Amino acid sequence: MTSAALSRPRDNRRIAGVCAGLAERWGMKAGTVRLLFVLSCLLPGPQFLVYLALWAIVPSR
């Protein structure tokens, strides 16, 4: 079994493409991952900082 590398796509981006890249990697719809991220922001935690870190770390295609 091979795993695809995580990358941010140039298409289907809303802000930085992080959610779209995660959706492709996990085999989900981008809208679902975006919704889960927004809902997770209602909980306490470093979600926004993790998003910014992924934006900086994950390469763009």
C-alpha atoms as a PDB file:
ATOM      1  CA  MET A   1       0.000   0.000   0.000  1.00  0.00           C
ATOM      2  CA  THR A   2       1.401   3.402  -0.971  1.00  0.00           C
ATOM      3  CA  SER A   3       0.545   6.673   0.673  1.00  0.00           C
ATOM      4  CA  ALA A   4       0.291   9.928  -1.205  1.00  0.00           C
ATOM      5  CA  ALA A   5       2.334  12.819   0.112  1.00  0.00           C
ATOM      6  CA  LEU A   6       0.415  15.687   1.627  1.00  0.00           C
ATOM      7  CA  SER A   7       0.382  18.771  -0.585  1.00  0.00           C
ATOM      8  CA  ARG A   8      -1.830  21.812  -1.100  1.00  0.00           C
ATOM      9  CA  PRO A   9      -3.595  21.740  -4.489  1.00  0.00           C
ATOM     10  CA  ARG A  10      -3.713  24.803  -6.721  1.00  0.00           C
ATOM     11  CA  ASP A  11      -7.393  24.192  -7.537  1.00  0.00           C
ATOM     12  CA  ASN A  12     -10.250  23.930  -5.018  1.00  0.00           C
ATOM     13  CA  ARG A  13      -8.519  26.358  -2.620  1.00  0.00           C
ATOM     14  CA  ARG A  14     -10.437  28.682  -0.368  1.00  0.00           C
ATOM     15  CA  ILE A  15      -7.757  30.282   1.797  1.00  0.00           C
ATOM     16  CA  ALA A  16      -4.506  28.331   1.569  1.00  0.00           C
ATOM     17  CA  GLY A  17      -5.545  24.889   0.357  1.00  0.00           C
ATOM     18  CA  VAL A  18      -4.757  23.142   3.632  1.00  0.00           C
ATOM     19  CA  CYS A  19      -8.229  21.638   4.059  1.00  0.00           C
ATOM     20  CA  ALA A  20      -8.369  20.618   0.383  1.00  0.00           C
ATOM     21  CA  GLY A  21      -4.980  18.904   0.705  1.00  0.00           C
ATOM     22  CA  LEU A  22      -6.035  17.078   3.859  1.00  0.00           C
ATOM     23  CA  ALA A  23      -9.290  16.029   2.187  1.00  0.00           C
ATOM     24  CA  GLU A  24      -7.421  14.553  -0.791  1.00  0.00           C
ATOM     25  CA  ARG A  25      -4.980  12.781   1.512  1.00  0.00           C
ATOM     26  CA  TRP A  26      -7.757  11.238   3.614  1.00  0.00           C
ATOM     27  CA  GLY A  27     -10.145  10.533   0.699  1.00  0.00           C
ATOM     28  CA  MET A  28     -12.820  12.964   1.875  1.00  0.00           C
ATOM     29  CA  LYS A  29     -14.638  15.913   0.345  1.00  0.00           C
ATOM     30  CA  ALA A  30     -12.957  19.282   0.849  1.00  0.00           C
ATOM     31  CA  GLY A  31     -16.193  20.844   2.118  1.00  0.00           C
ATOM     32  CA  THR A  32     -16.451  18.225   4.841  1.00  0.00           C
ATOM     33  CA  VAL A  33     -12.921  18.913   6.077  1.00  0.00           C
ATOM     34  CA  ARG A  34     -13.568  22.664   5.993  1.00  0.00           C
ATOM     35  CA  LEU A  35     -16.758  22.225   8.014  1.00  0.00           C
ATOM     36  CA  LEU A  36     -14.961  20.040  10.559  1.00  0.00           C
ATOM     37  CA  PHE A  37     -12.222  22.648  10.884  1.00  0.00           C
ATOM     38  CA  VAL A  38     -14.699  25.483  11.449  1.00  0.00           C
ATOM     39  CA  LEU A  39     -16.589  23.416  14.024  1.00  0.00           C
ATOM     40  CA  SER A  40     -13.334  22.510  15.765  1.00  0.00           C
ATOM     41  CA  CYS A  41     -12.541  26.225  16.107  1.00  0.00           C
ATOM     42  CA  LEU A  42     -15.519  26.497  18.460  1.00  0.00           C
ATOM     43  CA  LEU A  43     -13.620  24.278  20.915  1.00  0.00           C
ATOM     44  CA  PRO A  44     -10.632  25.495  22.911  1.00  0.00           C
ATOM     45  CA  GLY A  45      -7.294  24.557  21.439  1.00  0.00           C
ATOM     46  CA  PRO A  46      -4.595  25.530  18.946  1.00  0.00           C
ATOM     47  CA  GLN A  47      -6.546  24.716  15.762  1.00  0.00           C
ATOM     48  CA  PHE A  48      -5.809  28.029  14.073  1.00  0.00           C
ATOM     49  CA  LEU A  49      -2.096  27.796  14.898  1.00  0.00           C
ATOM     50  CA  VAL A  50      -1.979  24.246  13.494  1.00  0.00           C
ATOM     51  CA  TYR A  51      -3.636  25.514  10.305  1.00  0.00           C
ATOM     52  CA  LEU A  52      -1.030  28.279   9.978  1.00  0.00           C
ATOM     53  CA  ALA A  53       1.787  25.788  10.585  1.00  0.00           C
ATOM     54  CA  LEU A  54       0.420  23.432   7.918  1.00  0.00           C
ATOM     55  CA  TRP A  55       0.127  26.377   5.530  1.00  0.00           C
ATOM     56  CA  ALA A  56       3.812  27.126   6.056  1.00  0.00           C
ATOM     57  CA  ILE A  57       5.059  23.501   6.067  1.00  0.00           C
ATOM     58  CA  VAL A  58       2.968  21.654   3.460  1.00  0.00           C
ATOM     59  CA  PRO A  59       4.253  22.262  -0.080  1.00  0.00           C
ATOM     60  CA  SER A  60       2.001  23.632  -2.793  1.00  0.00           C
ATOM     61  CA  ARG A  61       1.588  21.675  -6.013  1.00  0.00           C
END
